[in-house]
Structures are given as structure tokens and as C-alpha cells.
């Protein structure tokens, strides 16, 4: 399972490099293409884990002016 993350930055918000450091500390890896970051869960993940992780993303980005969207998929 992998969780993909798309970000929308606000010109009055945090610097993209600061946001990058924060997301990398959560275990995300930057990617190019349709998504900005990916988190690889391995094989075992449940809905509660995904929701808890989404909470951590929200807490990390809170106050930064960055909006985000997650998409968790199996085996891509």
C-alpha cells in the first residue's frame, strides 16, 4: 500500500523547502509526476492507520497555508 500526497501552496504561507523537511521527517519521499510525495506502507495497513497518519499530516501542515490531498492505493 502507498499513500500519495498532493500539495497546494499559498503565497503567504510556509516555504516549500520547510514543508519538504517536515514531510520527509514523517517518512514521505518526494516524487515527480501527478503526485508530490509518496509514503510506502509495505503490505500491512488498515484504515485506522491511514486515518491516524492523515491526522499527523494535518498537524504537521497546520498553520502553513498548505492544503493537501491524500490517496492511498494498493500496490502502485
PDB file of N, CA and C in Angstrom:
ATOM      1  N   UNK A   1       0.840  -1.181   0.000  1.00  0.00           N
ATOM      2  CA  UNK A   1       0.000   0.000   0.000  1.00  0.00           C
ATOM      3  C   UNK A   1       0.887   1.246   0.000  1.00  0.00           C
ATOM      4  N   UNK A   2       0.411   2.241  -0.695  1.00  0.00           N
ATOM      5  CA  UNK A   2       1.127   3.512  -0.749  1.00  0.00           C
ATOM      6  C   UNK A   2       0.140   4.653  -0.585  1.00  0.00           C
ATOM      7  N   UNK A   3       0.568   5.683   0.131  1.00  0.00           N
ATOM      8  CA  UNK A   3      -0.225   6.893   0.247  1.00  0.00           C
ATOM      9  C   UNK A   3       0.471   7.988  -0.545  1.00  0.00           C
ATOM     10  N   UNK A   4      -0.267   8.547  -1.494  1.00  0.00           N
ATOM     11  CA  UNK A   4       0.242   9.634  -2.319  1.00  0.00           C
ATOM     12  C   UNK A   4      -0.289  10.949  -1.773  1.00  0.00           C
ATOM     13  N   UNK A   5       0.525  11.983  -1.872  1.00  0.00           N
ATOM     14  CA  UNK A   5       0.183  13.287  -1.323  1.00  0.00           C
ATOM     15  C   UNK A   5       0.346  14.353  -2.393  1.00  0.00           C
ATOM     16  N   UNK A   6      -0.669  15.194  -2.533  1.00  0.00           N
ATOM     17  CA  UNK A   6      -0.625  16.351  -3.427  1.00  0.00           C
ATOM     18  C   UNK A   6      -0.763  17.588  -2.556  1.00  0.00           C
ATOM     19  N   UNK A   7       0.067  18.591  -2.820  1.00  0.00           N
ATOM     20  CA  UNK A   7       0.052  19.829  -2.038  1.00  0.00           C
ATOM     21  C   UNK A   7      -0.345  21.017  -2.897  1.00  0.00           C
ATOM     22  N   UNK A   8      -1.016  21.983  -2.255  1.00  0.00           N
ATOM     23  CA  UNK A   8      -1.305  23.275  -2.870  1.00  0.00           C
ATOM     24  C   UNK A   8      -0.751  24.334  -1.930  1.00  0.00           C
ATOM     25  N   UNK A   9       0.209  25.103  -2.424  1.00  0.00           N
ATOM     26  CA  UNK A   9       0.873  26.121  -1.610  1.00  0.00           C
ATOM     27  C   UNK A   9       0.165  27.457  -1.731  1.00  0.00           C
ATOM     28  N   UNK A  10       0.257  28.232  -0.676  1.00  0.00           N
ATOM     29  CA  UNK A  10      -0.281  29.584  -0.603  1.00  0.00           C
ATOM     30  C   UNK A  10       0.909  30.534  -0.616  1.00  0.00           C
ATOM     31  N   UNK A  11       0.855  31.580  -1.405  1.00  0.00           N
ATOM     32  CA  UNK A  11       1.992  32.503  -1.499  1.00  0.00           C
ATOM     33  C   UNK A  11       2.269  33.228  -0.188  1.00  0.00           C
ATOM     34  N   UNK A  12       1.320  33.237   0.718  1.00  0.00           N
ATOM     35  CA  UNK A  12       1.526  33.846   2.030  1.00  0.00           C
ATOM     36  C   UNK A  12       1.874  32.821   3.100  1.00  0.00           C
ATOM     37  N   UNK A  13       2.099  31.589   2.703  1.00  0.00           N
ATOM     38  CA  UNK A  13       2.341  30.514   3.658  1.00  0.00           C
ATOM     39  C   UNK A  13       3.805  30.152   3.794  1.00  0.00           C
ATOM     40  N   UNK A  14       4.015  28.958   4.319  1.00  0.00           N
ATOM     41  CA  UNK A  14       5.369  28.446   4.578  1.00  0.00           C
ATOM     42  C   UNK A  14       6.130  28.224   3.271  1.00  0.00           C
ATOM     43  N   UNK A  15       7.443  28.271   3.376  1.00  0.00           N
ATOM     44  CA  UNK A  15       8.306  27.999   2.228  1.00  0.00           C
ATOM     45  C   UNK A  15       8.212  26.517   1.849  1.00  0.00           C
ATOM     46  N   UNK A  16       8.180  26.221   0.555  1.00  0.00           N
ATOM     47  CA  UNK A  16       8.135  24.818   0.136  1.00  0.00           C
ATOM     48  C   UNK A  16       9.279  23.985   0.718  1.00  0.00           C
ATOM     49  N   UNK A  17      10.459  24.568   0.874  1.00  0.00           N
ATOM     50  CA  UNK A  17      11.582  23.804   1.432  1.00  0.00           C
ATOM     51  C   UNK A  17      11.336  23.429   2.902  1.00  0.00           C
ATOM     52  N   UNK A  18      10.649  24.300   3.645  1.00  0.00           N
ATOM     53  CA  UNK A  18      10.307  23.982   5.040  1.00  0.00           C
ATOM     54  C   UNK A  18       9.276  22.861   5.099  1.00  0.00           C
ATOM     55  N   UNK A  19       8.291  22.936   4.224  1.00  0.00           N
ATOM     56  CA  UNK A  19       7.269  21.902   4.166  1.00  0.00           C
ATOM     57  C   UNK A  19       7.905  20.571   3.780  1.00  0.00           C
ATOM     58  N   UNK A  20       8.823  20.599   2.831  1.00  0.00           N
ATOM     59  CA  UNK A  20       9.523  19.393   2.394  1.00  0.00           C
ATOM     60  C   UNK A  20      10.238  18.726   3.572  1.00  0.00           C
ATOM     61  N   UNK A  21      10.962  19.493   4.360  1.00  0.00           N
ATOM     62  CA  UNK A  21      11.672  18.920   5.515  1.00  0.00           C
ATOM     63  C   UNK A  21      10.696  18.275   6.492  1.00  0.00           C
ATOM     64  N   UNK A  22       9.575  18.935   6.730  1.00  0.00           N
ATOM     65  CA  UNK A  22       8.585  18.397   7.659  1.00  0.00           C
ATOM     66  C   UNK A  22       7.986  17.087   7.157  1.00  0.00           C
ATOM     67  N   UNK A  23       7.679  17.026   5.879  1.00  0.00           N
ATOM     68  CA  UNK A  23       7.082  15.808   5.326  1.00  0.00           C
ATOM     69  C   UNK A  23       8.089  14.667   5.251  1.00  0.00           C
ATOM     70  N   UNK A  24       9.332  14.990   4.942  1.00  0.00           N
ATOM     71  CA  UNK A  24      10.368  13.959   4.917  1.00  0.00           C
ATOM     72  C   UNK A  24      10.550  13.345   6.307  1.00  0.00           C
ATOM     73  N   UNK A  25      10.389  14.158   7.353  1.00  0.00           N
ATOM     74  CA  UNK A  25      10.526  13.634   8.712  1.00  0.00           C
ATOM     75  C   UNK A  25       9.394  12.667   9.065  1.00  0.00           C
ATOM     76  N   UNK A  26       8.269  12.730   8.331  1.00  0.00           N
ATOM     77  CA  UNK A  26       7.182  11.775   8.531  1.00  0.00           C
ATOM     78  C   UNK A  26       7.402  10.487   7.748  1.00  0.00           C
ATOM     79  N   UNK A  27       8.404  10.482   6.879  1.00  0.00           N
ATOM     80  CA  UNK A  27       8.695   9.284   6.090  1.00  0.00           C
ATOM     81  C   UNK A  27       8.293   9.382   4.634  1.00  0.00           C
ATOM     82  N   UNK A  28       7.805  10.537   4.205  1.00  0.00           N
ATOM     83  CA  UNK A  28       7.461  10.716   2.798  1.00  0.00           C
ATOM     84  C   UNK A  28       8.717  10.823   1.948  1.00  0.00           C
ATOM     85  N   UNK A  29       8.580  10.441   0.672  1.00  0.00           N
ATOM     86  CA  UNK A  29       9.634  10.636  -0.318  1.00  0.00           C
ATOM     87  C   UNK A  29       9.054  11.510  -1.424  1.00  0.00           C
ATOM     88  N   UNK A  30       9.836  12.498  -1.861  1.00  0.00           N
ATOM     89  CA  UNK A  30       9.406  13.375  -2.944  1.00  0.00           C
ATOM     90  C   UNK A  30       9.419  12.604  -4.259  1.00  0.00           C
ATOM     91  N   UNK A  31       8.412  12.847  -5.091  1.00  0.00           N
ATOM     92  CA  UNK A  31       8.328  12.211  -6.408  1.00  0.00           C
ATOM     93  C   UNK A  31       7.952  13.271  -7.439  1.00  0.00           C
ATOM     94  N   UNK A  32       8.175  12.952  -8.689  1.00  0.00           N
ATOM     95  CA  UNK A  32       7.784  13.837  -9.780  1.00  0.00           C
ATOM     96  C   UNK A  32       6.636  13.189 -10.529  1.00  0.00           C
ATOM     97  N   UNK A  33       5.729  14.008 -11.011  1.00  0.00           N
ATOM     98  CA  UNK A  33       4.600  13.472 -11.778  1.00  0.00           C
ATOM     99  C   UNK A  33       3.291  14.001 -11.222  1.00  0.00           C
ATOM    100  N   UNK A  34       2.292  13.130 -11.166  1.00  0.00           N
ATOM    101  CA  UNK A  34       0.958  13.525 -10.722  1.00  0.00           C
ATOM    102  C   UNK A  34       0.879  13.811  -9.233  1.00  0.00           C
ATOM    103  N   UNK A  35       1.825  13.308  -8.468  1.00  0.00           N
ATOM    104  CA  UNK A  35       1.836  13.478  -7.020  1.00  0.00           C
ATOM    105  C   UNK A  35       3.126  14.159  -6.601  1.00  0.00           C
ATOM    106  N   UNK A  36       3.099  14.749  -5.412  1.00  0.00           N
ATOM    107  CA  UNK A  36       4.289  15.424  -4.898  1.00  0.00           C
ATOM    108  C   UNK A  36       5.128  14.534  -3.995  1.00  0.00           C
ATOM    109  N   UNK A  37       4.443  13.655  -3.229  1.00  0.00           N
ATOM    110  CA  UNK A  37       5.133  12.778  -2.269  1.00  0.00           C
ATOM    111  C   UNK A  37       4.448  11.428  -2.228  1.00  0.00           C
ATOM    112  N   UNK A  38       5.204  10.418  -1.772  1.00  0.00           N
ATOM    113  CA  UNK A  38       4.648   9.083  -1.573  1.00  0.00           C
ATOM    114  C   UNK A  38       5.158   8.529  -0.250  1.00  0.00           C
ATOM    115  N   UNK A  39       4.285   7.807   0.430  1.00  0.00           N
ATOM    116  CA  UNK A  39       4.640   7.086   1.662  1.00  0.00           C
ATOM    117  C   UNK A  39       4.344   5.617   1.411  1.00  0.00           C
ATOM    118  N   UNK A  40       5.343   4.767   1.586  1.00  0.00           N
ATOM    119  CA  UNK A  40       5.196   3.336   1.332  1.00  0.00           C
ATOM    120  C   UNK A  40       4.910   2.613   2.645  1.00  0.00           C
ATOM    121  N   UNK A  41       3.740   2.005   2.753  1.00  0.00           N
ATOM    122  CA  UNK A  41       3.324   1.299   3.962  1.00  0.00           C
ATOM    123  C   UNK A  41       3.872  -0.118   4.025  1.00  0.00           C
ATOM    124  N   UNK A  42       4.312  -0.653   2.914  1.00  0.00           N
ATOM    125  CA  UNK A  42       4.596  -2.080   2.872  1.00  0.00           C
ATOM    126  C   UNK A  42       3.282  -2.813   2.630  1.00  0.00           C
ATOM    127  N   UNK A  43       3.115  -3.968   3.249  1.00  0.00           N
ATOM    128  CA  UNK A  43       1.928  -4.784   2.985  1.00  0.00           C
ATOM    129  C   UNK A  43       0.802  -4.612   4.000  1.00  0.00           C
ATOM    130  N   UNK A  44       1.127  -4.324   5.253  1.00  0.00           N
ATOM    131  CA  UNK A  44       0.113  -4.341   6.300  1.00  0.00           C
ATOM    132  C   UNK A  44      -0.267  -2.942   6.749  1.00  0.00           C
ATOM    133  N   UNK A  45      -1.481  -2.525   6.373  1.00  0.00           N
ATOM    134  CA  UNK A  45      -2.005  -1.239   6.818  1.00  0.00           C
ATOM    135  C   UNK A  45      -3.525  -1.350   6.866  1.00  0.00           C
ATOM    136  N   UNK A  46      -4.122  -0.711   7.859  1.00  0.00           N
ATOM    137  CA  UNK A  46      -5.577  -0.718   7.941  1.00  0.00           C
ATOM    138  C   UNK A  46      -6.089   0.719   7.926  1.00  0.00           C
ATOM    139  N   UNK A  47      -7.393   0.865   7.869  1.00  0.00           N
ATOM    140  CA  UNK A  47      -7.997   2.188   7.754  1.00  0.00           C
ATOM    141  C   UNK A  47      -7.635   3.083   8.940  1.00  0.00           C
ATOM    142  N   UNK A  48      -7.595   2.521  10.147  1.00  0.00           N
ATOM    143  CA  UNK A  48      -7.231   3.323  11.322  1.00  0.00           C
ATOM    144  C   UNK A  48      -5.818   3.884  11.208  1.00  0.00           C
ATOM    145  N   UNK A  49      -4.881   3.075  10.685  1.00  0.00           N
ATOM    146  CA  UNK A  49      -3.508   3.542  10.479  1.00  0.00           C
ATOM    147  C   UNK A  49      -3.482   4.700   9.486  1.00  0.00           C
ATOM    148  N   UNK A  50      -4.236   4.565   8.414  1.00  0.00           N
ATOM    149  CA  UNK A  50      -4.271   5.594   7.378  1.00  0.00           C
ATOM    150  C   UNK A  50      -4.853   6.893   7.934  1.00  0.00           C
ATOM    151  N   UNK A  51      -5.942   6.784   8.690  1.00  0.00           N
ATOM    152  CA  UNK A  51      -6.561   7.976   9.277  1.00  0.00           C
ATOM    153  C   UNK A  51      -5.639   8.643  10.289  1.00  0.00           C
ATOM    154  N   UNK A  52      -4.968   7.847  11.123  1.00  0.00           N
ATOM    155  CA  UNK A  52      -4.027   8.402  12.104  1.00  0.00           C
ATOM    156  C   UNK A  52      -2.882   9.126  11.387  1.00  0.00           C
ATOM    157  N   UNK A  53      -2.379   8.526  10.311  1.00  0.00           N
ATOM    158  CA  UNK A  53      -1.304   9.146   9.549  1.00  0.00           C
ATOM    159  C   UNK A  53      -1.782  10.450   8.899  1.00  0.00           C
ATOM    160  N   UNK A  54      -3.017  10.458   8.393  1.00  0.00           N
ATOM    161  CA  UNK A  54      -3.577  11.683   7.816  1.00  0.00           C
ATOM    162  C   UNK A  54      -3.695  12.778   8.869  1.00  0.00           C
ATOM    163  N   UNK A  55      -4.032  12.394  10.105  1.00  0.00           N
ATOM    164  CA  UNK A  55      -4.052  13.358  11.212  1.00  0.00           C
ATOM    165  C   UNK A  55      -2.666  13.960  11.432  1.00  0.00           C
ATOM    166  N   UNK A  56      -1.625  13.111  11.362  1.00  0.00           N
ATOM    167  CA  UNK A  56      -0.259  13.600  11.543  1.00  0.00           C
ATOM    168  C   UNK A  56       0.130  14.575  10.438  1.00  0.00           C
ATOM    169  N   UNK A  57      -0.296  14.295   9.218  1.00  0.00           N
ATOM    170  CA  UNK A  57      -0.022  15.209   8.106  1.00  0.00           C
ATOM    171  C   UNK A  57      -0.700  16.546   8.373  1.00  0.00           C
ATOM    172  N   UNK A  58      -1.961  16.504   8.777  1.00  0.00           N
ATOM    173  CA  UNK A  58      -2.698  17.735   9.036  1.00  0.00           C
ATOM    174  C   UNK A  58      -2.047  18.540  10.146  1.00  0.00           C
ATOM    175  N   UNK A  59      -1.627  17.867  11.227  1.00  0.00           N
ATOM    176  CA  UNK A  59      -0.968  18.566  12.335  1.00  0.00           C
ATOM    177  C   UNK A  59       0.367  19.171  11.887  1.00  0.00           C
ATOM    178  N   UNK A  60       1.080  18.473  11.022  1.00  0.00           N
ATOM    179  CA  UNK A  60       2.364  18.954  10.518  1.00  0.00           C
ATOM    180  C   UNK A  60       2.182  20.199   9.654  1.00  0.00           C
ATOM    181  N   UNK A  61       1.130  20.222   8.843  1.00  0.00           N
ATOM    182  CA  UNK A  61       0.914  21.328   7.910  1.00  0.00           C
ATOM    183  C   UNK A  61       0.080  22.462   8.498  1.00  0.00           C
ATOM    184  N   UNK A  62      -0.505  22.255   9.656  1.00  0.00           N
ATOM    185  CA  UNK A  62      -1.376  23.265  10.256  1.00  0.00           C
ATOM    186  C   UNK A  62      -0.644  24.593  10.413  1.00  0.00           C
ATOM    187  N   UNK A  63      -1.287  25.657   9.963  1.00  0.00           N
ATOM    188  CA  UNK A  63      -0.709  26.990  10.054  1.00  0.00           C
ATOM    189  C   UNK A  63       0.267  27.333   8.946  1.00  0.00           C
ATOM    190  N   UNK A  64       0.523  26.396   8.040  1.00  0.00           N
ATOM    191  CA  UNK A  64       1.498  26.631   6.971  1.00  0.00           C
ATOM    192  C   UNK A  64       0.870  27.268   5.735  1.00  0.00           C
ATOM    193  N   UNK A  65      -0.456  27.286   5.657  1.00  0.00           N
ATOM    194  CA  UNK A  65      -1.119  27.786   4.462  1.00  0.00           C
ATOM    195  C   UNK A  65      -1.138  26.773   3.329  1.00  0.00           C
ATOM    196  N   UNK A  66      -0.737  25.531   3.615  1.00  0.00           N
ATOM    197  CA  UNK A  66      -0.685  24.485   2.600  1.00  0.00           C
ATOM    198  C   UNK A  66      -1.928  23.609   2.721  1.00  0.00           C
ATOM    199  N   UNK A  67      -2.596  23.390   1.601  1.00  0.00           N
ATOM    200  CA  UNK A  67      -3.699  22.428   1.558  1.00  0.00           C
ATOM    201  C   UNK A  67      -3.147  21.134   0.959  1.00  0.00           C
ATOM    202  N   UNK A  68      -3.794  20.017   1.311  1.00  0.00           N
ATOM    203  CA  UNK A  68      -3.297  18.742   0.818  1.00  0.00           C
ATOM    204  C   UNK A  68      -4.420  17.770   0.510  1.00  0.00           C
ATOM    205  N   UNK A  69      -4.082  16.775  -0.301  1.00  0.00           N
ATOM    206  CA  UNK A  69      -4.981  15.691  -0.625  1.00  0.00           C
ATOM    207  C   UNK A  69      -4.178  14.396  -0.548  1.00  0.00           C
ATOM    208  N   UNK A  70      -4.746  13.375   0.077  1.00  0.00           N
ATOM    209  CA  UNK A  70      -4.096  12.074   0.103  1.00  0.00           C
ATOM    210  C   UNK A  70      -4.886  11.078  -0.711  1.00  0.00           C
ATOM    211  N   UNK A  71      -4.180  10.078  -1.213  1.00  0.00           N
ATOM    212  CA  UNK A  71      -4.800   8.962  -1.932  1.00  0.00           C
ATOM    213  C   UNK A  71      -4.001   7.711  -1.590  1.00  0.00           C
ATOM    214  N   UNK A  72      -4.644   6.751  -0.977  1.00  0.00           N
ATOM    215  CA  UNK A  72      -3.981   5.512  -0.605  1.00  0.00           C
ATOM    216  C   UNK A  72      -4.459   4.407  -1.507  1.00  0.00           C
ATOM    217  N   UNK A  73      -3.507   3.730  -2.149  1.00  0.00           N
ATOM    218  CA  UNK A  73      -3.829   2.693  -3.118  1.00  0.00           C
ATOM    219  C   UNK A  73      -3.004   1.438  -2.841  1.00  0.00           C
ATOM    220  N   UNK A  74      -3.486   0.346  -3.359  1.00  0.00           N
ATOM    221  CA  UNK A  74      -2.825  -0.931  -3.165  1.00  0.00           C
ATOM    222  C   UNK A  74      -1.896  -1.244  -4.321  1.00  0.00           C
ATOM    223  N   UNK A  75      -0.600  -1.364  -4.024  1.00  0.00           N
ATOM    224  CA  UNK A  75       0.374  -1.895  -4.964  1.00  0.00           C
ATOM    225  C   UNK A  75       0.711  -1.082  -6.183  1.00  0.00           C
ATOM    226  N   UNK A  76       0.648   0.231  -6.135  1.00  0.00           N
ATOM    227  CA  UNK A  76       1.027   1.013  -7.312  1.00  0.00           C
ATOM    228  C   UNK A  76       2.301   1.758  -7.064  1.00  0.00           C
TER     229      UNK A  76
END
